C-alpha cells in the first residue's frame, strides 16, 4: 500500500502487516524513530495521482 504522510500511524501499519500487506508510507516529521520506506516507490505514487487527475478532467469534458 502506498500512501502519504496523513496515513502514518502504528495502528494502520500493524493492521497491514497482519494481512501480509507491505506498506510504503513515510513517517511524519514528529516521529521519534524514523520509518524506513521505499523512496523510489513513493516517488512513483505521483504518477498515479496525476493519472486520476487527468481522468477526472476527461470526465468533465466528456459529460458536457
Protein backbone atom coordinates (compact mmCIF):
# COMPACT_ATOMS: atom_id res chain seq x y z
CA UNK A 1 0.00 0.00 0.00
CA UNK A 2 1.39 3.36 -0.99
CA UNK A 3 0.02 6.28 0.99
CA UNK A 4 1.03 9.77 2.05
CA UNK A 5 2.08 11.00 5.48
CA UNK A 6 -1.54 11.51 6.54
CA UNK A 7 -1.90 7.74 6.93
CA UNK A 8 1.18 7.37 9.15
CA UNK A 9 0.03 5.54 12.28
CA UNK A 10 1.33 2.49 14.09
CA UNK A 11 -2.17 1.07 14.22
CA UNK A 12 -2.57 1.14 10.43
CA UNK A 13 0.90 -0.31 9.89
CA UNK A 14 0.13 -3.20 12.28
CA UNK A 15 -3.20 -3.91 10.55
CA UNK A 16 -1.49 -4.03 7.16
CA UNK A 17 1.26 -6.30 8.47
CA UNK A 18 -1.32 -8.72 9.91
CA UNK A 19 -2.86 -9.06 6.46
CA UNK A 20 0.54 -9.51 4.81
CA UNK A 21 0.44 -6.16 3.01
CA UNK A 22 3.67 -4.22 2.62
CA UNK A 23 3.35 -0.53 3.35
CA UNK A 24 5.17 2.35 1.73
CA UNK A 25 4.17 5.23 3.98
CA UNK A 26 6.71 7.86 5.02
CA UNK A 27 6.77 8.83 8.66
CA UNK A 28 5.68 12.23 9.88
CA UNK A 29 8.30 14.76 10.90
CA UNK A 30 7.45 14.48 14.59
CA UNK A 31 8.11 10.71 14.81
CA UNK A 32 10.76 9.80 17.37
CA UNK A 33 12.04 6.82 15.37
CA UNK A 34 12.29 7.34 11.60
CA UNK A 35 10.36 4.91 9.40
CA UNK A 36 12.15 3.07 6.59
CA UNK A 37 10.18 3.07 3.34
CA UNK A 38 10.87 2.75 -0.39
CA UNK A 39 11.61 6.29 -1.55
CA UNK A 40 11.64 5.42 -5.27
CA UNK A 41 8.32 3.61 -4.97
CA UNK A 42 6.86 6.56 -3.09
CA UNK A 43 8.00 8.94 -5.86
CA UNK A 44 6.11 6.83 -8.40
CA UNK A 45 2.94 7.48 -6.40
CA UNK A 46 2.87 10.90 -8.03
CA UNK A 47 2.27 9.28 -11.44
CA UNK A 48 -0.84 7.58 -10.12
CA UNK A 49 -2.10 10.82 -8.57
CA UNK A 50 -1.66 12.66 -11.88
CA UNK A 51 -3.43 9.87 -13.78
CA UNK A 52 -6.51 10.17 -11.59
CA UNK A 53 -6.43 13.95 -12.02
CA UNK A 54 -6.41 13.58 -15.79
CA UNK A 55 -9.21 11.03 -15.72
CA UNK A 56 -11.32 13.50 -13.77
CA UNK A 57 -10.56 16.23 -16.31
CA UNK A 58 -11.52 13.98 -19.23
CA UNK A 59 -14.74 13.02 -17.49
CA UNK A 60 -15.71 16.68 -17.17
CA UNK A 61 -15.12 17.21 -20.89
CA UNK A 62 -16.95 14.03 -21.94
CA UNK A 63 -20.08 14.80 -19.92
CA UNK A 64 -20.60 18.25 -21.39
